[in-house]
């Protein structure tokens, strides 16, 4: 592998696996959707917040959207 840095060689070998090549785009789209939903929740909280309390409402909305029951990502330690 001439022209490729030594650290990049391990990534190239990973991308040779066909299953991983199918999973990575799905993970990318999922992460993009998670980010878009976080922006949408914050934007909605900003739109409905009373004047002068937008920061509190946005904080609560974003924290609440990250805490889902039986989630793989709980907001408190178990």
PDB file of N, CA and C in Angstrom:
ATOM      1  N   UNK A   1       0.835  -1.178   0.000  1.00  0.00           N
ATOM      2  CA  UNK A   1       0.000   0.000   0.000  1.00  0.00           C
ATOM      3  C   UNK A   1       0.881   1.243   0.000  1.00  0.00           C
ATOM      4  N   UNK A   2       1.355   1.579  -1.109  1.00  0.00           N
ATOM      5  CA  UNK A   2       2.187   2.769  -1.205  1.00  0.00           C
ATOM      6  C   UNK A   2       1.290   3.994  -1.318  1.00  0.00           C
ATOM      7  N   UNK A   3       1.726   5.067  -0.715  1.00  0.00           N
ATOM      8  CA  UNK A   3       0.964   6.296  -0.760  1.00  0.00           C
ATOM      9  C   UNK A   3      -0.102   6.408   0.317  1.00  0.00           C
ATOM     10  N   UNK A   4      -0.335   5.348   1.069  1.00  0.00           N
ATOM     11  CA  UNK A   4      -1.323   5.374   2.143  1.00  0.00           C
ATOM     12  C   UNK A   4      -0.578   5.373   3.471  1.00  0.00           C
ATOM     13  N   UNK A   5      -0.896   6.305   4.381  1.00  0.00           N
ATOM     14  CA  UNK A   5      -0.229   6.317   5.679  1.00  0.00           C
ATOM     15  C   UNK A   5      -0.463   5.008   6.438  1.00  0.00           C
ATOM     16  N   UNK A   6       0.420   4.700   7.347  1.00  0.00           N
ATOM     17  CA  UNK A   6       0.351   3.433   8.077  1.00  0.00           C
ATOM     18  C   UNK A   6      -0.952   3.317   8.866  1.00  0.00           C
ATOM     19  N   UNK A   7      -1.430   4.421   9.461  1.00  0.00           N
ATOM     20  CA  UNK A   7      -2.658   4.343  10.255  1.00  0.00           C
ATOM     21  C   UNK A   7      -3.886   4.111   9.396  1.00  0.00           C
ATOM     22  N   UNK A   8      -3.832   4.522   8.127  1.00  0.00           N
ATOM     23  CA  UNK A   8      -4.983   4.359   7.246  1.00  0.00           C
ATOM     24  C   UNK A   8      -5.109   2.933   6.727  1.00  0.00           C
ATOM     25  N   UNK A   9      -4.045   2.169   6.797  1.00  0.00           N
ATOM     26  CA  UNK A   9      -4.090   0.800   6.307  1.00  0.00           C
ATOM     27  C   UNK A   9      -5.088  -0.056   7.060  1.00  0.00           C
ATOM     28  N   UNK A  10      -5.225   0.179   8.367  1.00  0.00           N
ATOM     29  CA  UNK A  10      -6.180  -0.614   9.136  1.00  0.00           C
ATOM     30  C   UNK A  10      -7.613  -0.280   8.740  1.00  0.00           C
ATOM     31  N   UNK A  11      -7.880   0.973   8.410  1.00  0.00           N
ATOM     32  CA  UNK A  11      -9.223   1.338   7.975  1.00  0.00           C
ATOM     33  C   UNK A  11      -9.528   0.756   6.604  1.00  0.00           C
ATOM     34  N   UNK A  12      -8.554   0.725   5.744  1.00  0.00           N
ATOM     35  CA  UNK A  12      -8.756   0.151   4.417  1.00  0.00           C
ATOM     36  C   UNK A  12      -9.079  -1.328   4.535  1.00  0.00           C
ATOM     37  N   UNK A  13      -8.389  -2.023   5.443  1.00  0.00           N
ATOM     38  CA  UNK A  13      -8.678  -3.447   5.612  1.00  0.00           C
ATOM     39  C   UNK A  13     -10.070  -3.663   6.208  1.00  0.00           C
ATOM     40  N   UNK A  14     -10.526  -2.750   7.044  1.00  0.00           N
ATOM     41  CA  UNK A  14     -11.888  -2.861   7.584  1.00  0.00           C
ATOM     42  C   UNK A  14     -12.926  -2.696   6.494  1.00  0.00           C
ATOM     43  N   UNK A  15     -12.697  -1.756   5.582  1.00  0.00           N
ATOM     44  CA  UNK A  15     -13.671  -1.488   4.532  1.00  0.00           C
ATOM     45  C   UNK A  15     -13.734  -2.591   3.484  1.00  0.00           C
ATOM     46  N   UNK A  16     -12.846  -3.550   3.566  1.00  0.00           N
ATOM     47  CA  UNK A  16     -12.906  -4.677   2.636  1.00  0.00           C
ATOM     48  C   UNK A  16     -13.979  -5.686   3.027  1.00  0.00           C
ATOM     49  N   UNK A  17     -14.502  -5.593   4.246  1.00  0.00           N
ATOM     50  CA  UNK A  17     -15.547  -6.519   4.695  1.00  0.00           C
ATOM     51  C   UNK A  17     -16.892  -6.053   4.147  1.00  0.00           C
ATOM     52  N   UNK A  18     -17.584  -6.906   3.387  1.00  0.00           N
ATOM     53  CA  UNK A  18     -18.830  -6.468   2.745  1.00  0.00           C
ATOM     54  C   UNK A  18     -19.943  -6.141   3.743  1.00  0.00           C
ATOM     55  N   UNK A  19     -20.008  -6.847   4.868  1.00  0.00           N
ATOM     56  CA  UNK A  19     -21.060  -6.567   5.844  1.00  0.00           C
ATOM     57  C   UNK A  19     -20.859  -5.175   6.436  1.00  0.00           C
ATOM     58  N   UNK A  20     -19.643  -4.830   6.756  1.00  0.00           N
ATOM     59  CA  UNK A  20     -19.369  -3.514   7.325  1.00  0.00           C
ATOM     60  C   UNK A  20     -19.647  -2.410   6.311  1.00  0.00           C
ATOM     61  N   UNK A  21     -19.372  -2.675   5.054  1.00  0.00           N
ATOM     62  CA  UNK A  21     -19.670  -1.673   4.027  1.00  0.00           C
ATOM     63  C   UNK A  21     -21.159  -1.430   3.896  1.00  0.00           C
ATOM     64  N   UNK A  22     -21.990  -2.419   4.240  1.00  0.00           N
ATOM     65  CA  UNK A  22     -23.439  -2.220   4.212  1.00  0.00           C
ATOM     66  C   UNK A  22     -23.943  -1.546   5.476  1.00  0.00           C
ATOM     67  N   UNK A  23     -23.299  -1.777   6.613  1.00  0.00           N
ATOM     68  CA  UNK A  23     -23.765  -1.243   7.888  1.00  0.00           C
ATOM     69  C   UNK A  23     -23.377   0.234   8.056  1.00  0.00           C
ATOM     70  N   UNK A  24     -22.200   0.617   7.632  1.00  0.00           N
ATOM     71  CA  UNK A  24     -21.721   1.984   7.846  1.00  0.00           C
ATOM     72  C   UNK A  24     -22.633   3.068   7.256  1.00  0.00           C
ATOM     73  N   UNK A  25     -23.135   2.936   6.033  1.00  0.00           N
ATOM     74  CA  UNK A  25     -24.048   3.980   5.540  1.00  0.00           C
ATOM     75  C   UNK A  25     -25.322   4.078   6.377  1.00  0.00           C
ATOM     76  N   UNK A  26     -25.833   2.950   6.841  1.00  0.00           N
ATOM     77  CA  UNK A  26     -27.015   2.975   7.699  1.00  0.00           C
ATOM     78  C   UNK A  26     -26.741   3.674   9.012  1.00  0.00           C
ATOM     79  N   UNK A  27     -25.576   3.440   9.582  1.00  0.00           N
ATOM     80  CA  UNK A  27     -25.205   4.123  10.824  1.00  0.00           C
ATOM     81  C   UNK A  27     -25.066   5.619  10.601  1.00  0.00           C
ATOM     82  N   UNK A  28     -24.522   6.010   9.470  1.00  0.00           N
ATOM     83  CA  UNK A  28     -24.376   7.425   9.140  1.00  0.00           C
ATOM     84  C   UNK A  28     -25.736   8.102   8.994  1.00  0.00           C
ATOM     85  N   UNK A  29     -26.663   7.451   8.303  1.00  0.00           N
ATOM     86  CA  UNK A  29     -28.002   8.014   8.129  1.00  0.00           C
ATOM     87  C   UNK A  29     -28.723   8.089   9.467  1.00  0.00           C
ATOM     88  N   UNK A  30     -28.549   7.080  10.311  1.00  0.00           N
ATOM     89  CA  UNK A  30     -29.181   7.090  11.626  1.00  0.00           C
ATOM     90  C   UNK A  30     -28.646   8.229  12.491  1.00  0.00           C
ATOM     91  N   UNK A  31     -27.346   8.429  12.483  1.00  0.00           N
ATOM     92  CA  UNK A  31     -26.749   9.516  13.265  1.00  0.00           C
ATOM     93  C   UNK A  31     -27.210  10.879  12.739  1.00  0.00           C
ATOM     94  N   UNK A  32     -27.351  10.997  11.430  1.00  0.00           N
ATOM     95  CA  UNK A  32     -27.849  12.243  10.846  1.00  0.00           C
ATOM     96  C   UNK A  32     -29.286  12.502  11.291  1.00  0.00           C
ATOM     97  N   UNK A  33     -30.114  11.476  11.305  1.00  0.00           N
ATOM     98  CA  UNK A  33     -31.491  11.618  11.756  1.00  0.00           C
ATOM     99  C   UNK A  33     -31.579  11.985  13.230  1.00  0.00           C
ATOM    100  N   UNK A  34     -30.706  11.405  14.063  1.00  0.00           N
ATOM    101  CA  UNK A  34     -30.676  11.764  15.480  1.00  0.00           C
ATOM    102  C   UNK A  34     -30.347  13.242  15.661  1.00  0.00           C
ATOM    103  N   UNK A  35     -29.376  13.725  14.911  1.00  0.00           N
ATOM    104  CA  UNK A  35     -29.007  15.136  15.004  1.00  0.00           C
ATOM    105  C   UNK A  35     -30.123  16.054  14.534  1.00  0.00           C
ATOM    106  N   UNK A  36     -30.804  15.653  13.461  1.00  0.00           N
ATOM    107  CA  UNK A  36     -31.905  16.472  12.954  1.00  0.00           C
ATOM    108  C   UNK A  36     -33.058  16.522  13.953  1.00  0.00           C
ATOM    109  N   UNK A  37     -33.327  15.415  14.621  1.00  0.00           N
ATOM    110  CA  UNK A  37     -34.417  15.427  15.596  1.00  0.00           C
ATOM    111  C   UNK A  37     -34.055  16.286  16.805  1.00  0.00           C
ATOM    112  N   UNK A  38     -32.789  16.296  17.201  1.00  0.00           N
ATOM    113  CA  UNK A  38     -32.367  17.134  18.319  1.00  0.00           C
ATOM    114  C   UNK A  38     -32.534  18.621  17.967  1.00  0.00           C
ATOM    115  N   UNK A  39     -32.194  18.995  16.752  1.00  0.00           N
ATOM    116  CA  UNK A  39     -32.381  20.382  16.311  1.00  0.00           C
ATOM    117  C   UNK A  39     -33.868  20.722  16.258  1.00  0.00           C
ATOM    118  N   UNK A  40     -34.693  19.789  15.791  1.00  0.00           N
ATOM    119  CA  UNK A  40     -36.126  20.047  15.699  1.00  0.00           C
ATOM    120  C   UNK A  40     -36.751  20.234  17.079  1.00  0.00           C
ATOM    121  N   UNK A  41     -36.340  19.433  18.058  1.00  0.00           N
ATOM    122  CA  UNK A  41     -36.875  19.565  19.415  1.00  0.00           C
ATOM    123  C   UNK A  41     -36.477  20.912  20.009  1.00  0.00           C
ATOM    124  N   UNK A  42     -35.227  21.294  19.842  1.00  0.00           N
ATOM    125  CA  UNK A  42     -34.775  22.577  20.376  1.00  0.00           C
ATOM    126  C   UNK A  42     -35.488  23.739  19.678  1.00  0.00           C
ATOM    127  N   UNK A  43     -35.699  23.633  18.386  1.00  0.00           N
ATOM    128  CA  UNK A  43     -36.373  24.691  17.633  1.00  0.00           C
ATOM    129  C   UNK A  43     -37.832  24.824  18.078  1.00  0.00           C
ATOM    130  N   UNK A  44     -38.502  23.690  18.282  1.00  0.00           N
ATOM    131  CA  UNK A  44     -39.884  23.740  18.750  1.00  0.00           C
ATOM    132  C   UNK A  44     -39.965  24.346  20.148  1.00  0.00           C
ATOM    133  N   UNK A  45     -39.039  23.972  21.026  1.00  0.00           N
ATOM    134  CA  UNK A  45     -39.029  24.548  22.372  1.00  0.00           C
ATOM    135  C   UNK A  45     -38.805  26.052  22.309  1.00  0.00           C
ATOM    136  N   UNK A  46     -37.960  26.493  21.410  1.00  0.00           N
ATOM    137  CA  UNK A  46     -37.724  27.929  21.244  1.00  0.00           C
ATOM    138  C   UNK A  46     -38.979  28.641  20.748  1.00  0.00           C
ATOM    139  N   UNK A  47     -39.711  27.973  19.879  1.00  0.00           N
ATOM    140  CA  UNK A  47     -40.912  28.592  19.304  1.00  0.00           C
ATOM    141  C   UNK A  47     -42.036  28.717  20.328  1.00  0.00           C
ATOM    142  N   UNK A  48     -42.158  27.770  21.261  1.00  0.00           N
ATOM    143  CA  UNK A  48     -43.288  27.808  22.193  1.00  0.00           C
ATOM    144  C   UNK A  48     -42.913  28.371  23.565  1.00  0.00           C
ATOM    145  N   UNK A  49     -41.656  28.689  23.779  1.00  0.00           N
ATOM    146  CA  UNK A  49     -41.214  29.189  25.085  1.00  0.00           C
ATOM    147  C   UNK A  49     -41.730  30.601  25.337  1.00  0.00           C
ATOM    148  N   UNK A  50     -42.108  30.863  26.588  1.00  0.00           N
ATOM    149  CA  UNK A  50     -42.502  32.232  26.930  1.00  0.00           C
ATOM    150  C   UNK A  50     -41.296  33.171  26.805  1.00  0.00           C
ATOM    151  N   UNK A  51     -41.534  34.445  26.567  1.00  0.00           N
ATOM    152  CA  UNK A  51     -40.420  35.394  26.437  1.00  0.00           C
ATOM    153  C   UNK A  51     -39.547  35.401  27.696  1.00  0.00           C
ATOM    154  N   UNK A  52     -38.253  35.349  27.505  1.00  0.00           N
ATOM    155  CA  UNK A  52     -37.302  35.395  28.612  1.00  0.00           C
ATOM    156  C   UNK A  52     -36.999  34.043  29.236  1.00  0.00           C
ATOM    157  N   UNK A  53     -37.673  32.984  28.805  1.00  0.00           N
ATOM    158  CA  UNK A  53     -37.444  31.664  29.383  1.00  0.00           C
ATOM    159  C   UNK A  53     -37.024  30.637  28.345  1.00  0.00           C
ATOM    160  N   UNK A  54     -36.563  31.090  27.214  1.00  0.00           N
ATOM    161  CA  UNK A  54     -36.240  30.171  26.119  1.00  0.00           C
ATOM    162  C   UNK A  54     -35.134  29.195  26.508  1.00  0.00           C
ATOM    163  N   UNK A  55     -34.124  29.662  27.216  1.00  0.00           N
ATOM    164  CA  UNK A  55     -33.001  28.780  27.564  1.00  0.00           C
ATOM    165  C   UNK A  55     -33.458  27.627  28.454  1.00  0.00           C
ATOM    166  N   UNK A  56     -34.338  27.921  29.400  1.00  0.00           N
ATOM    167  CA  UNK A  56     -34.835  26.875  30.300  1.00  0.00           C
ATOM    168  C   UNK A  56     -35.651  25.853  29.519  1.00  0.00           C
ATOM    169  N   UNK A  57     -36.534  26.312  28.662  1.00  0.00           N
ATOM    170  CA  UNK A  57     -37.380  25.410  27.901  1.00  0.00           C
ATOM    171  C   UNK A  57     -36.566  24.556  26.934  1.00  0.00           C
ATOM    172  N   UNK A  58     -35.581  25.167  26.284  1.00  0.00           N
ATOM    173  CA  UNK A  58     -34.743  24.397  25.357  1.00  0.00           C
ATOM    174  C   UNK A  58     -33.952  23.345  26.118  1.00  0.00           C
ATOM    175  N   UNK A  59     -33.408  23.707  27.268  1.00  0.00           N
ATOM    176  CA  UNK A  59     -32.635  22.747  28.069  1.00  0.00           C
ATOM    177  C   UNK A  59     -33.500  21.574  28.495  1.00  0.00           C
ATOM    178  N   UNK A  60     -34.696  21.853  28.978  1.00  0.00           N
ATOM    179  CA  UNK A  60     -35.595  20.783  29.411  1.00  0.00           C
ATOM    180  C   UNK A  60     -36.040  19.910  28.240  1.00  0.00           C
ATOM    181  N   UNK A  61     -36.325  20.524  27.115  1.00  0.00           N
ATOM    182  CA  UNK A  61     -36.773  19.753  25.958  1.00  0.00           C
ATOM    183  C   UNK A  61     -35.673  18.844  25.426  1.00  0.00           C
ATOM    184  N   UNK A  62     -34.459  19.360  25.347  1.00  0.00           N
ATOM    185  CA  UNK A  62     -33.350  18.545  24.845  1.00  0.00           C
ATOM    186  C   UNK A  62     -33.020  17.437  25.833  1.00  0.00           C
ATOM    187  N   UNK A  63     -33.013  17.741  27.119  1.00  0.00           N
ATOM    188  CA  UNK A  63     -32.741  16.704  28.121  1.00  0.00           C
ATOM    189  C   UNK A  63     -33.836  15.652  28.103  1.00  0.00           C
ATOM    190  N   UNK A  64     -35.076  16.071  27.959  1.00  0.00           N
ATOM    191  CA  UNK A  64     -36.178  15.121  27.912  1.00  0.00           C
ATOM    192  C   UNK A  64     -36.180  14.266  26.664  1.00  0.00           C
ATOM    193  N   UNK A  65     -35.723  14.796  25.562  1.00  0.00           N
ATOM    194  CA  UNK A  65     -35.710  14.014  24.333  1.00  0.00           C
ATOM    195  C   UNK A  65     -34.598  12.972  24.335  1.00  0.00           C
ATOM    196  N   UNK A  66     -33.590  13.170  25.177  1.00  0.00           N
ATOM    197  CA  UNK A  66     -32.504  12.195  25.259  1.00  0.00           C
ATOM    198  C   UNK A  66     -32.819  11.068  26.232  1.00  0.00           C
ATOM    199  N   UNK A  67     -33.803  11.234  27.100  1.00  0.00           N
ATOM    200  CA  UNK A  67     -34.157  10.237  28.106  1.00  0.00           C
ATOM    201  C   UNK A  67     -35.406   9.509  27.664  1.00  0.00           C
ATOM    202  N   UNK A  68     -35.243   8.326  27.156  1.00  0.00           N
ATOM    203  CA  UNK A  68     -36.397   7.547  26.741  1.00  0.00           C
ATOM    204  C   UNK A  68     -36.466   6.296  27.606  1.00  0.00           C
ATOM    205  N   UNK A  69     -37.647   5.853  27.968  1.00  0.00           N
ATOM    206  CA  UNK A  69     -37.741   4.633  28.763  1.00  0.00           C
ATOM    207  C   UNK A  69     -37.220   3.431  27.989  1.00  0.00           C
ATOM    208  N   UNK A  70     -36.561   2.570  28.674  1.00  0.00           N
ATOM    209  CA  UNK A  70     -35.976   1.342  28.093  1.00  0.00           C
ATOM    210  C   UNK A  70     -35.050   1.649  26.927  1.00  0.00           C
ATOM    211  N   UNK A  71     -34.391   2.782  26.995  1.00  0.00           N
ATOM    212  CA  UNK A  71     -33.501   3.192  25.921  1.00  0.00           C
ATOM    213  C   UNK A  71     -32.139   2.519  26.087  1.00  0.00           C
ATOM    214  N   UNK A  72     -31.449   2.393  24.993  1.00  0.00           N
ATOM    215  CA  UNK A  72     -30.080   1.886  25.060  1.00  0.00           C
ATOM    216  C   UNK A  72     -29.162   2.954  25.629  1.00  0.00           C
ATOM    217  N   UNK A  73     -29.675   4.170  25.756  1.00  0.00           N
ATOM    218  CA  UNK A  73     -28.890   5.289  26.226  1.00  0.00           C
ATOM    219  C   UNK A  73     -29.641   5.983  27.369  1.00  0.00           C
ATOM    220  N   UNK A  74     -29.704   5.372  28.570  1.00  0.00           N
ATOM    221  CA  UNK A  74     -30.423   6.031  29.652  1.00  0.00           C
ATOM    222  C   UNK A  74     -29.700   7.276  30.115  1.00  0.00           C
ATOM    223  N   UNK A  75     -30.454   8.220  30.713  1.00  0.00           N
ATOM    224  CA  UNK A  75     -29.809   9.460  31.164  1.00  0.00           C
ATOM    225  C   UNK A  75     -29.287   9.366  32.574  1.00  0.00           C
ATOM    226  N   UNK A  76     -29.567   8.332  33.269  1.00  0.00           N
ATOM    227  CA  UNK A  76     -29.039   8.181  34.628  1.00  0.00           C
ATOM    228  C   UNK A  76     -28.382   6.819  34.736  1.00  0.00           C
ATOM    229  N   UNK A  77     -27.375   6.707  35.595  1.00  0.00           N
ATOM    230  CA  UNK A  77     -26.698   5.402  35.736  1.00  0.00           C
ATOM    231  C   UNK A  77     -27.628   4.378  36.366  1.00  0.00           C
ATOM    232  N   UNK A  78     -27.524   3.177  35.903  1.00  0.00           N
ATOM    233  CA  UNK A  78     -28.380   2.090  36.426  1.00  0.00           C
ATOM    234  C   UNK A  78     -27.634   1.307  37.455  1.00  0.00           C
TER     235      UNK A  78
END
